[in-house]
Amino acid sequence: MNVYIALLRAINVGGTGALPMAELRSICEEIGFEAVKTYIQSGNVVFRSSLGEKAVRERLEKALEAKMGKAPGVILRSAGEMRAVAQSSPFPHAKPNFMLVTFLPKPPAKDALDALSAPGGEEVEIIGREIHIHFPEGSGKSRLKLPALKTGTARNLNTVRKLAEMATELEGKAD
């Protein structure tokens, strides 16, 4: 069985895409995912499935569309991929809550950072399908602009580490 982390876009953020985590857990169980656990109210779910990544994403998007009337967008990572992201912070000096990782469905264009505007001294680095951003003054005050972020969903480093931990625990548990 594979362990996946699904990160949903635009769920329970700014009053849009309301989806209680209990409902998300139920949806995942109804479509055959196992050992389903959610984390905080922003659309994070960890589970097991014998399906491949593409089939998992399609199944979850279809179920969410049926429930919500519109699929919110699902970004998937394996347990190993999430561990690698959690361990590869390019800004070791940054406080974890001042560091956001934007998960993208595919790697951004090689010139993605050419369009970067970081007037607050934000540091940005692309590693694979993720864009790591350190916000020295916090993300709420930032005026950072980077078009490549639009297709992704962001989590702070504390959340990334917790999801990696949950996935690792799930890998170690057999039913």
C-alpha atoms as a PDB file:
ATOM      1  CA  MET A   1       0.000   0.000   0.000  1.00  0.00           C
ATOM      2  CA  ASN A   2       1.152   3.492  -0.824  1.00  0.00           C
ATOM      3  CA  VAL A   3       0.916   6.336   1.679  1.00  0.00           C
ATOM      4  CA  TYR A   4      -0.158   9.671   0.219  1.00  0.00           C
ATOM      5  CA  ILE A   5      -0.646  13.182   1.461  1.00  0.00           C
ATOM      6  CA  ALA A   6      -3.328  15.151  -0.365  1.00  0.00           C
ATOM      7  CA  LEU A   7      -3.167  18.925  -0.106  1.00  0.00           C
ATOM      8  CA  LEU A   8      -6.370  20.598  -1.233  1.00  0.00           C
ATOM      9  CA  ARG A   9      -6.316  24.076  -2.741  1.00  0.00           C
ATOM     10  CA  ALA A  10      -8.552  26.867  -1.417  1.00  0.00           C
ATOM     11  CA  ILE A  11     -10.194  24.859   1.354  1.00  0.00           C
ATOM     12  CA  ASN A  12     -11.380  26.760   4.446  1.00  0.00           C
ATOM     13  CA  VAL A  13      -9.341  29.831   3.506  1.00  0.00           C
ATOM     14  CA  GLY A  14     -10.938  33.272   3.704  1.00  0.00           C
ATOM     15  CA  GLY A  15     -14.453  31.853   3.897  1.00  0.00           C
ATOM     16  CA  THR A  16     -14.230  29.990   0.583  1.00  0.00           C
ATOM     17  CA  GLY A  17     -14.349  26.280  -0.090  1.00  0.00           C
ATOM     18  CA  ALA A  18     -15.859  25.301   3.257  1.00  0.00           C
ATOM     19  CA  LEU A  19     -15.265  21.620   3.916  1.00  0.00           C
ATOM     20  CA  PRO A  20     -15.156  20.277   7.471  1.00  0.00           C
ATOM     21  CA  MET A  21     -12.289  17.862   7.933  1.00  0.00           C
ATOM     22  CA  ALA A  22     -14.692  15.165   9.195  1.00  0.00           C
ATOM     23  CA  GLU A  23     -16.429  15.337   5.797  1.00  0.00           C
ATOM     24  CA  LEU A  24     -13.109  15.169   3.962  1.00  0.00           C
ATOM     25  CA  ARG A  25     -12.176  12.097   5.988  1.00  0.00           C
ATOM     26  CA  SER A  26     -15.552  10.487   5.176  1.00  0.00           C
ATOM     27  CA  ILE A  27     -15.199  11.257   1.463  1.00  0.00           C
ATOM     28  CA  CYS A  28     -11.767   9.623   1.411  1.00  0.00           C
ATOM     29  CA  GLU A  29     -13.039   6.537   3.236  1.00  0.00           C
ATOM     30  CA  GLU A  30     -16.069   6.246   0.926  1.00  0.00           C
ATOM     31  CA  ILE A  31     -13.825   6.137  -2.155  1.00  0.00           C
ATOM     32  CA  GLY A  32     -11.715   3.350  -0.696  1.00  0.00           C
ATOM     33  CA  PHE A  33      -8.771   5.089   0.946  1.00  0.00           C
ATOM     34  CA  GLU A  34      -7.596   3.510   4.190  1.00  0.00           C
ATOM     35  CA  ALA A  35      -6.311   4.746   7.568  1.00  0.00           C
ATOM     36  CA  VAL A  36      -7.460   8.271   6.687  1.00  0.00           C
ATOM     37  CA  LYS A  37      -6.331  11.115   8.940  1.00  0.00           C
ATOM     38  CA  THR A  38      -6.758  14.853   8.465  1.00  0.00           C
ATOM     39  CA  TYR A  39      -4.611  17.611   9.892  1.00  0.00           C
ATOM     40  CA  ILE A  40      -5.845  21.116  10.745  1.00  0.00           C
ATOM     41  CA  GLN A  41      -8.656  22.826   8.870  1.00  0.00           C
ATOM     42  CA  SER A  42      -6.849  23.652   5.633  1.00  0.00           C
ATOM     43  CA  GLY A  43      -7.406  20.545   3.530  1.00  0.00           C
ATOM     44  CA  ASN A  44      -4.617  18.163   4.517  1.00  0.00           C
ATOM     45  CA  VAL A  45      -5.295  14.437   4.469  1.00  0.00           C
ATOM     46  CA  VAL A  46      -2.966  11.458   4.895  1.00  0.00           C
ATOM     47  CA  PHE A  47      -4.080   7.971   3.821  1.00  0.00           C
ATOM     48  CA  ARG A  48      -3.183   4.628   2.282  1.00  0.00           C
ATOM     49  CA  SER A  49      -4.215   3.397  -1.136  1.00  0.00           C
ATOM     50  CA  SER A  50      -3.174   0.597  -3.462  1.00  0.00           C
ATOM     51  CA  LEU A  51      -3.825   2.925  -6.417  1.00  0.00           C
ATOM     52  CA  GLY A  52      -1.188   4.918  -8.259  1.00  0.00           C
ATOM     53  CA  GLU A  53      -0.888   8.687  -7.901  1.00  0.00           C
ATOM     54  CA  LYS A  54      -2.898   9.578 -11.022  1.00  0.00           C
ATOM     55  CA  ALA A  55      -5.811   7.300 -10.076  1.00  0.00           C
ATOM     56  CA  VAL A  56      -5.815   8.590  -6.488  1.00  0.00           C
ATOM     57  CA  ARG A  57      -5.933  12.211  -7.649  1.00  0.00           C
ATOM     58  CA  GLU A  58      -8.680  11.551 -10.195  1.00  0.00           C
ATOM     59  CA  ARG A  59     -10.803   9.613  -7.706  1.00  0.00           C
ATOM     60  CA  LEU A  60     -10.458  12.279  -5.014  1.00  0.00           C
ATOM     61  CA  GLU A  61     -11.095  15.183  -7.403  1.00  0.00           C
ATOM     62  CA  LYS A  62     -14.241  13.485  -8.741  1.00  0.00           C
ATOM     63  CA  ALA A  63     -15.563  12.835  -5.212  1.00  0.00           C
ATOM     64  CA  LEU A  64     -14.842  16.415  -4.098  1.00  0.00           C
ATOM     65  CA  GLU A  65     -16.531  17.804  -7.201  1.00  0.00           C
ATOM     66  CA  ALA A  66     -19.625  15.704  -6.459  1.00  0.00           C
ATOM     67  CA  LYS A  67     -19.683  16.980  -2.867  1.00  0.00           C
ATOM     68  CA  MET A  68     -18.757  20.627  -3.436  1.00  0.00           C
ATOM     69  CA  GLY A  69     -19.965  21.267  -6.982  1.00  0.00           C
ATOM     70  CA  LYS A  70     -16.395  22.053  -8.020  1.00  0.00           C
ATOM     71  CA  ALA A  71     -13.109  20.244  -7.458  1.00  0.00           C
ATOM     72  CA  PRO A  72     -10.802  22.395  -5.307  1.00  0.00           C
ATOM     73  CA  GLY A  73      -7.610  21.062  -6.872  1.00  0.00           C
ATOM     74  CA  VAL A  74      -5.636  18.237  -5.335  1.00  0.00           C
ATOM     75  CA  ILE A  75      -1.862  18.199  -4.976  1.00  0.00           C
ATOM     76  CA  LEU A  76      -0.498  14.757  -4.024  1.00  0.00           C
ATOM     77  CA  ARG A  77       2.795  13.741  -2.540  1.00  0.00           C
ATOM     78  CA  SER A  78       4.028  10.346  -1.390  1.00  0.00           C
ATOM     79  CA  ALA A  79       5.288   9.907   2.157  1.00  0.00           C
ATOM     80  CA  GLY A  80       8.874   9.876   0.882  1.00  0.00           C
ATOM     81  CA  GLU A  81       8.379  13.033  -1.154  1.00  0.00           C
ATOM     82  CA  MET A  82       6.878  14.846   1.834  1.00  0.00           C
ATOM     83  CA  ARG A  83       9.775  13.746   4.057  1.00  0.00           C
ATOM     84  CA  ALA A  84      12.242  15.062   1.481  1.00  0.00           C
ATOM     85  CA  VAL A  85      10.463  18.433   1.382  1.00  0.00           C
ATOM     86  CA  ALA A  86      10.385  18.617   5.188  1.00  0.00           C
ATOM     87  CA  GLN A  87      14.118  17.924   5.362  1.00  0.00           C
ATOM     88  CA  SER A  88      15.257  20.101   2.457  1.00  0.00           C
ATOM     89  CA  SER A  89      14.533  23.590   3.753  1.00  0.00           C
ATOM     90  CA  PRO A  90      16.907  25.864   1.839  1.00  0.00           C
ATOM     91  CA  PHE A  91      16.610  28.492   4.587  1.00  0.00           C
ATOM     92  CA  PRO A  92      17.826  26.835   7.810  1.00  0.00           C
ATOM     93  CA  HIS A  93      17.961  30.236   9.548  1.00  0.00           C
ATOM     94  CA  ALA A  94      14.216  30.822   9.013  1.00  0.00           C
ATOM     95  CA  LYS A  95      11.626  30.237  11.715  1.00  0.00           C
ATOM     96  CA  PRO A  96       9.392  27.375  10.488  1.00  0.00           C
ATOM     97  CA  ASN A  97       6.240  29.504  10.728  1.00  0.00           C
ATOM     98  CA  PHE A  98       7.886  32.192   8.542  1.00  0.00           C
ATOM     99  CA  MET A  99       8.687  29.638   5.868  1.00  0.00           C
ATOM    100  CA  LEU A 100       6.053  28.555   3.350  1.00  0.00           C
ATOM    101  CA  VAL A 101       6.327  25.710   0.896  1.00  0.00           C
ATOM    102  CA  THR A 102       4.105  25.993  -2.150  1.00  0.00           C
ATOM    103  CA  PHE A 103       3.339  22.567  -3.605  1.00  0.00           C
ATOM    104  CA  LEU A 104       2.792  22.607  -7.362  1.00  0.00           C
ATOM    105  CA  PRO A 105       1.239  19.949  -9.613  1.00  0.00           C
ATOM    106  CA  LYS A 106       4.365  19.973 -11.803  1.00  0.00           C
ATOM    107  CA  PRO A 107       7.775  21.660 -11.692  1.00  0.00           C
ATOM    108  CA  PRO A 108       7.632  25.350 -12.554  1.00  0.00           C
ATOM    109  CA  ALA A 109       9.265  26.712 -15.678  1.00  0.00           C
ATOM    110  CA  LYS A 110      13.038  27.149 -15.447  1.00  0.00           C
ATOM    111  CA  ASP A 111      12.604  30.923 -15.700  1.00  0.00           C
ATOM    112  CA  ALA A 112       9.815  31.101 -13.069  1.00  0.00           C
ATOM    113  CA  LEU A 113      11.873  33.241 -10.707  1.00  0.00           C
ATOM    114  CA  ASP A 114      12.463  35.848 -13.449  1.00  0.00           C
ATOM    115  CA  ALA A 115       8.983  37.219 -12.655  1.00  0.00           C
ATOM    116  CA  LEU A 116       9.687  37.453  -8.915  1.00  0.00           C
ATOM    117  CA  SER A 117       8.994  40.677  -7.040  1.00  0.00           C
ATOM    118  CA  ALA A 118      10.114  40.425  -3.397  1.00  0.00           C
ATOM    119  CA  PRO A 119      10.072  43.949  -1.943  1.00  0.00           C
ATOM    120  CA  GLY A 120      10.109  42.684   1.649  1.00  0.00           C
ATOM    121  CA  GLY A 121      13.388  40.806   1.374  1.00  0.00           C
ATOM    122  CA  GLU A 122      11.699  37.444   0.890  1.00  0.00           C
ATOM    123  CA  GLU A 123      13.992  34.590  -0.104  1.00  0.00           C
ATOM    124  CA  VAL A 124      12.715  32.134  -2.714  1.00  0.00           C
ATOM    125  CA  GLU A 125      14.100  28.852  -3.990  1.00  0.00           C
ATOM    126  CA  ILE A 126      12.642  26.183  -6.243  1.00  0.00           C
ATOM    127  CA  ILE A 127      13.350  22.548  -5.437  1.00  0.00           C
ATOM    128  CA  GLY A 128      11.577  20.108  -7.742  1.00  0.00           C
ATOM    129  CA  ARG A 129       7.813  20.713  -7.640  1.00  0.00           C
ATOM    130  CA  GLU A 130       8.009  22.989  -4.608  1.00  0.00           C
ATOM    131  CA  ILE A 131       8.716  26.673  -4.151  1.00  0.00           C
ATOM    132  CA  HIS A 132      10.213  27.454  -0.746  1.00  0.00           C
ATOM    133  CA  ILE A 133       9.720  31.005   0.536  1.00  0.00           C
ATOM    134  CA  HIS A 134      11.128  32.633   3.648  1.00  0.00           C
ATOM    135  CA  PHE A 135       9.075  35.633   4.740  1.00  0.00           C
ATOM    136  CA  PRO A 136      11.312  37.590   7.161  1.00  0.00           C
ATOM    137  CA  GLU A 137       8.391  39.805   8.240  1.00  0.00           C
ATOM    138  CA  GLY A 138       5.725  37.089   7.981  1.00  0.00           C
ATOM    139  CA  SER A 139       3.583  36.187   4.994  1.00  0.00           C
ATOM    140  CA  GLY A 140       0.688  38.418   6.090  1.00  0.00           C
ATOM    141  CA  LYS A 141       2.728  41.569   5.532  1.00  0.00           C
ATOM    142  CA  SER A 142       4.400  40.415   2.343  1.00  0.00           C
ATOM    143  CA  ARG A 143       3.879  41.985  -1.056  1.00  0.00           C
ATOM    144  CA  LEU A 144       5.708  39.154  -2.808  1.00  0.00           C
ATOM    145  CA  LYS A 145       4.546  38.496  -6.350  1.00  0.00           C
ATOM    146  CA  LEU A 146       5.390  35.323  -8.208  1.00  0.00           C
ATOM    147  CA  PRO A 147       2.965  34.075 -10.902  1.00  0.00           C
ATOM    148  CA  ALA A 148       4.248  30.483 -10.606  1.00  0.00           C
ATOM    149  CA  LEU A 149       2.565  30.221  -7.183  1.00  0.00           C
ATOM    150  CA  LYS A 150      -0.960  30.431  -8.646  1.00  0.00           C
ATOM    151  CA  THR A 151      -1.329  26.743  -9.461  1.00  0.00           C
ATOM    152  CA  GLY A 152      -0.126  25.541  -6.084  1.00  0.00           C
ATOM    153  CA  THR A 153      -1.112  25.417  -2.464  1.00  0.00           C
ATOM    154  CA  ALA A 154       1.101  26.558   0.394  1.00  0.00           C
ATOM    155  CA  ARG A 155       1.776  25.138   3.855  1.00  0.00           C
ATOM    156  CA  ASN A 156       4.142  26.445   6.494  1.00  0.00           C
ATOM    157  CA  LEU A 157       7.145  24.335   7.386  1.00  0.00           C
ATOM    158  CA  ASN A 158       5.617  23.249  10.724  1.00  0.00           C
ATOM    159  CA  THR A 159       2.647  21.774   8.837  1.00  0.00           C
ATOM    160  CA  VAL A 160       4.902  20.123   6.252  1.00  0.00           C
ATOM    161  CA  ARG A 161       6.919  18.487   9.024  1.00  0.00           C
ATOM    162  CA  LYS A 162       3.789  17.273  10.816  1.00  0.00           C
ATOM    163  CA  LEU A 163       2.348  15.785   7.612  1.00  0.00           C
ATOM    164  CA  ALA A 164       5.659  14.028   6.912  1.00  0.00           C
ATOM    165  CA  GLU A 165       5.608  12.634  10.459  1.00  0.00           C
ATOM    166  CA  MET A 166       2.001  11.425  10.094  1.00  0.00           C
ATOM    167  CA  ALA A 167       2.809   9.742   6.767  1.00  0.00           C
ATOM    168  CA  THR A 168       5.886   8.060   8.204  1.00  0.00           C
ATOM    169  CA  GLU A 169       3.841   6.712  11.129  1.00  0.00           C
ATOM    170  CA  LEU A 170       1.229   5.395   8.707  1.00  0.00           C
ATOM    171  CA  GLU A 171       3.908   3.641   6.652  1.00  0.00           C
ATOM    172  CA  GLY A 172       5.064   1.835   9.782  1.00  0.00           C
ATOM    173  CA  LYS A 173       1.597   0.613  10.784  1.00  0.00           C
ATOM    174  CA  ALA A 174       0.150  -2.524   9.260  1.00  0.00           C
ATOM    175  CA  ASP A 175      -3.568  -3.203   9.592  1.00  0.00           C
END
